[in-house]
Amino acid sequence: MVNSNGTDYAARIKELGEQIEELDETIAVTTAVTARQAARKKLDRKAAEEAVDRAVRPLNDELAGLEELRNEAVAWQEGSRETCRSGA
C-alpha cells in the first residue's frame, strides 16, 4: 500500500521481515559455531555462555532495532489506512 507521500509500507514491512529472518539465521549459526568453539577450547559452562553472549549481543541488538522498525512501519501502515478510511 502506497500512501499519499509515496511510502509503500507493505514493501517496507516485507523487506524488514526478510532482514529479520536472515538475522535470526545468522544468530543461530553464530550461536552454534561459538558453542562448538567453546567446547573445543574446553571452556566451562559459564565461560561458554559468556562467549556466546559476546558473539551474539551485537546481532541481538541489531535484531531488536529491525523489529522496532518493522513495528513502527506496521503502525504507520495502520494509521495510513485509518486516514484513508476517514477520507482525509
C-alpha atoms as a PDB file:
ATOM      1  CA  MET A   1       0.000   0.000   0.000  1.00  0.00           C
ATOM      2  CA  VAL A   2       1.476   3.313  -1.107  1.00  0.00           C
ATOM      3  CA  ASN A   3       0.257   6.257   0.888  1.00  0.00           C
ATOM      4  CA  SER A   4      -0.115   9.846  -0.290  1.00  0.00           C
ATOM      5  CA  ASN A   5       3.533  10.675   0.410  1.00  0.00           C
ATOM      6  CA  GLY A   6       4.717   7.726  -1.677  1.00  0.00           C
ATOM      7  CA  THR A   7       5.605   5.357   1.151  1.00  0.00           C
ATOM      8  CA  ASP A   8       4.992   1.692   0.342  1.00  0.00           C
ATOM      9  CA  TYR A   9       4.512   0.323   3.834  1.00  0.00           C
ATOM     10  CA  ALA A  10       3.797  -3.234   2.712  1.00  0.00           C
ATOM     11  CA  ALA A  11       7.070  -3.399   0.787  1.00  0.00           C
ATOM     12  CA  ARG A  12       8.991  -1.921   3.719  1.00  0.00           C
ATOM     13  CA  ILE A  13       7.400  -4.349   6.163  1.00  0.00           C
ATOM     14  CA  LYS A  14       8.211  -7.258   3.846  1.00  0.00           C
ATOM     15  CA  GLU A  15      11.814  -6.075   3.451  1.00  0.00           C
ATOM     16  CA  LEU A  16      12.246  -5.721   7.208  1.00  0.00           C
ATOM     17  CA  GLY A  17      10.701  -9.157   7.730  1.00  0.00           C
ATOM     18  CA  GLU A  18      13.217 -10.675   5.337  1.00  0.00           C
ATOM     19  CA  GLN A  19      16.092  -8.905   7.096  1.00  0.00           C
ATOM     20  CA  ILE A  20      14.811 -10.180  10.445  1.00  0.00           C
ATOM     21  CA  GLU A  21      14.638 -13.757   9.133  1.00  0.00           C
ATOM     22  CA  GLU A  22      18.188 -13.530   7.773  1.00  0.00           C
ATOM     23  CA  LEU A  23      19.472 -12.108  11.031  1.00  0.00           C
ATOM     24  CA  ASP A  24      17.677 -14.834  13.017  1.00  0.00           C
ATOM     25  CA  GLU A  25      19.529 -17.405  10.910  1.00  0.00           C
ATOM     26  CA  THR A  26      22.811 -15.573  11.431  1.00  0.00           C
ATOM     27  CA  ILE A  27      22.248 -15.564  15.188  1.00  0.00           C
ATOM     28  CA  ALA A  28      21.508 -19.298  15.177  1.00  0.00           C
ATOM     29  CA  VAL A  29      24.656 -20.079  13.187  1.00  0.00           C
ATOM     30  CA  THR A  30      26.786 -17.750  15.296  1.00  0.00           C
ATOM     31  CA  THR A  31      25.465 -19.355  18.474  1.00  0.00           C
ATOM     32  CA  ALA A  32      26.195 -22.859  17.209  1.00  0.00           C
ATOM     33  CA  VAL A  33      29.679 -22.030  15.957  1.00  0.00           C
ATOM     34  CA  THR A  34      30.617 -20.186  19.132  1.00  0.00           C
ATOM     35  CA  ALA A  35      29.334 -23.046  21.299  1.00  0.00           C
ATOM     36  CA  ARG A  36      31.375 -25.541  19.267  1.00  0.00           C
ATOM     37  CA  GLN A  37      34.459 -23.368  19.628  1.00  0.00           C
ATOM     38  CA  ALA A  38      33.887 -23.113  23.371  1.00  0.00           C
ATOM     39  CA  ALA A  39      33.570 -26.890  23.613  1.00  0.00           C
ATOM     40  CA  ARG A  40      36.717 -27.369  21.570  1.00  0.00           C
ATOM     41  CA  LYS A  41      38.531 -24.994  23.943  1.00  0.00           C
ATOM     42  CA  LYS A  42      37.041 -26.959  26.855  1.00  0.00           C
ATOM     43  CA  LEU A  43      35.528 -23.835  28.416  1.00  0.00           C
ATOM     44  CA  ASP A  44      33.325 -24.398  31.424  1.00  0.00           C
ATOM     45  CA  ARG A  45      29.589 -23.756  31.064  1.00  0.00           C
ATOM     46  CA  LYS A  46      29.682 -20.190  32.364  1.00  0.00           C
ATOM     47  CA  ALA A  47      32.610 -19.205  30.134  1.00  0.00           C
ATOM     48  CA  ALA A  48      30.916 -20.832  27.134  1.00  0.00           C
ATOM     49  CA  GLU A  49      27.676 -18.944  27.813  1.00  0.00           C
ATOM     50  CA  GLU A  50      29.610 -15.690  28.134  1.00  0.00           C
ATOM     51  CA  ALA A  51      31.399 -16.363  24.834  1.00  0.00           C
ATOM     52  CA  VAL A  52      28.089 -16.989  23.070  1.00  0.00           C
ATOM     53  CA  ASP A  53      26.581 -13.881  24.656  1.00  0.00           C
ATOM     54  CA  ARG A  54      29.502 -11.723  23.491  1.00  0.00           C
ATOM     55  CA  ALA A  55      29.255 -13.143  19.988  1.00  0.00           C
ATOM     56  CA  VAL A  56      25.519 -12.627  19.539  1.00  0.00           C
ATOM     57  CA  ARG A  57      24.919  -9.472  21.603  1.00  0.00           C
ATOM     58  CA  PRO A  58      25.534  -7.077  18.686  1.00  0.00           C
ATOM     59  CA  LEU A  59      23.362  -9.238  16.443  1.00  0.00           C
ATOM     60  CA  ASN A  60      20.568  -9.295  19.007  1.00  0.00           C
ATOM     61  CA  ASP A  61      20.820  -5.509  19.315  1.00  0.00           C
ATOM     62  CA  GLU A  62      20.538  -5.189  15.544  1.00  0.00           C
ATOM     63  CA  LEU A  63      17.601  -7.617  15.540  1.00  0.00           C
ATOM     64  CA  ALA A  64      15.801  -5.557  18.181  1.00  0.00           C
ATOM     65  CA  GLY A  65      16.301  -2.455  16.054  1.00  0.00           C
ATOM     66  CA  LEU A  66      14.899  -4.148  12.953  1.00  0.00           C
ATOM     67  CA  GLU A  67      11.906  -5.449  14.889  1.00  0.00           C
ATOM     68  CA  GLU A  68      11.268  -1.961  16.218  1.00  0.00           C
ATOM     69  CA  LEU A  69      11.433  -0.517  12.699  1.00  0.00           C
ATOM     70  CA  ARG A  70       9.026  -3.186  11.451  1.00  0.00           C
ATOM     71  CA  ASN A  71       6.611  -2.478  14.301  1.00  0.00           C
ATOM     72  CA  GLU A  72       6.762   1.239  13.523  1.00  0.00           C
ATOM     73  CA  ALA A  73       6.106   0.565   9.834  1.00  0.00           C
ATOM     74  CA  VAL A  74       3.101  -1.592  10.751  1.00  0.00           C
ATOM     75  CA  ALA A  75       1.777   1.185  12.981  1.00  0.00           C
ATOM     76  CA  TRP A  76       2.285   3.780  10.241  1.00  0.00           C
ATOM     77  CA  GLN A  77       0.581   1.484   7.735  1.00  0.00           C
ATOM     78  CA  GLU A  78      -2.401   1.050  10.038  1.00  0.00           C
ATOM     79  CA  GLY A  79      -2.513   4.799  10.643  1.00  0.00           C
ATOM     80  CA  SER A  80      -2.419   5.419   6.928  1.00  0.00           C
ATOM     81  CA  ARG A  81      -5.319   3.008   6.410  1.00  0.00           C
ATOM     82  CA  GLU A  82      -7.336   4.790   9.085  1.00  0.00           C
ATOM     83  CA  THR A  83      -6.635   8.130   7.416  1.00  0.00           C
ATOM     84  CA  CYS A  84      -7.760   6.749   4.066  1.00  0.00           C
ATOM     85  CA  ARG A  85     -10.946   5.320   5.600  1.00  0.00           C
ATOM     86  CA  SER A  86     -11.803   8.603   7.272  1.00  0.00           C
ATOM     87  CA  GLY A  87     -11.496  10.390   3.949  1.00  0.00           C
ATOM     88  CA  ALA A  88      -8.571  12.591   4.851  1.00  0.00           C
END
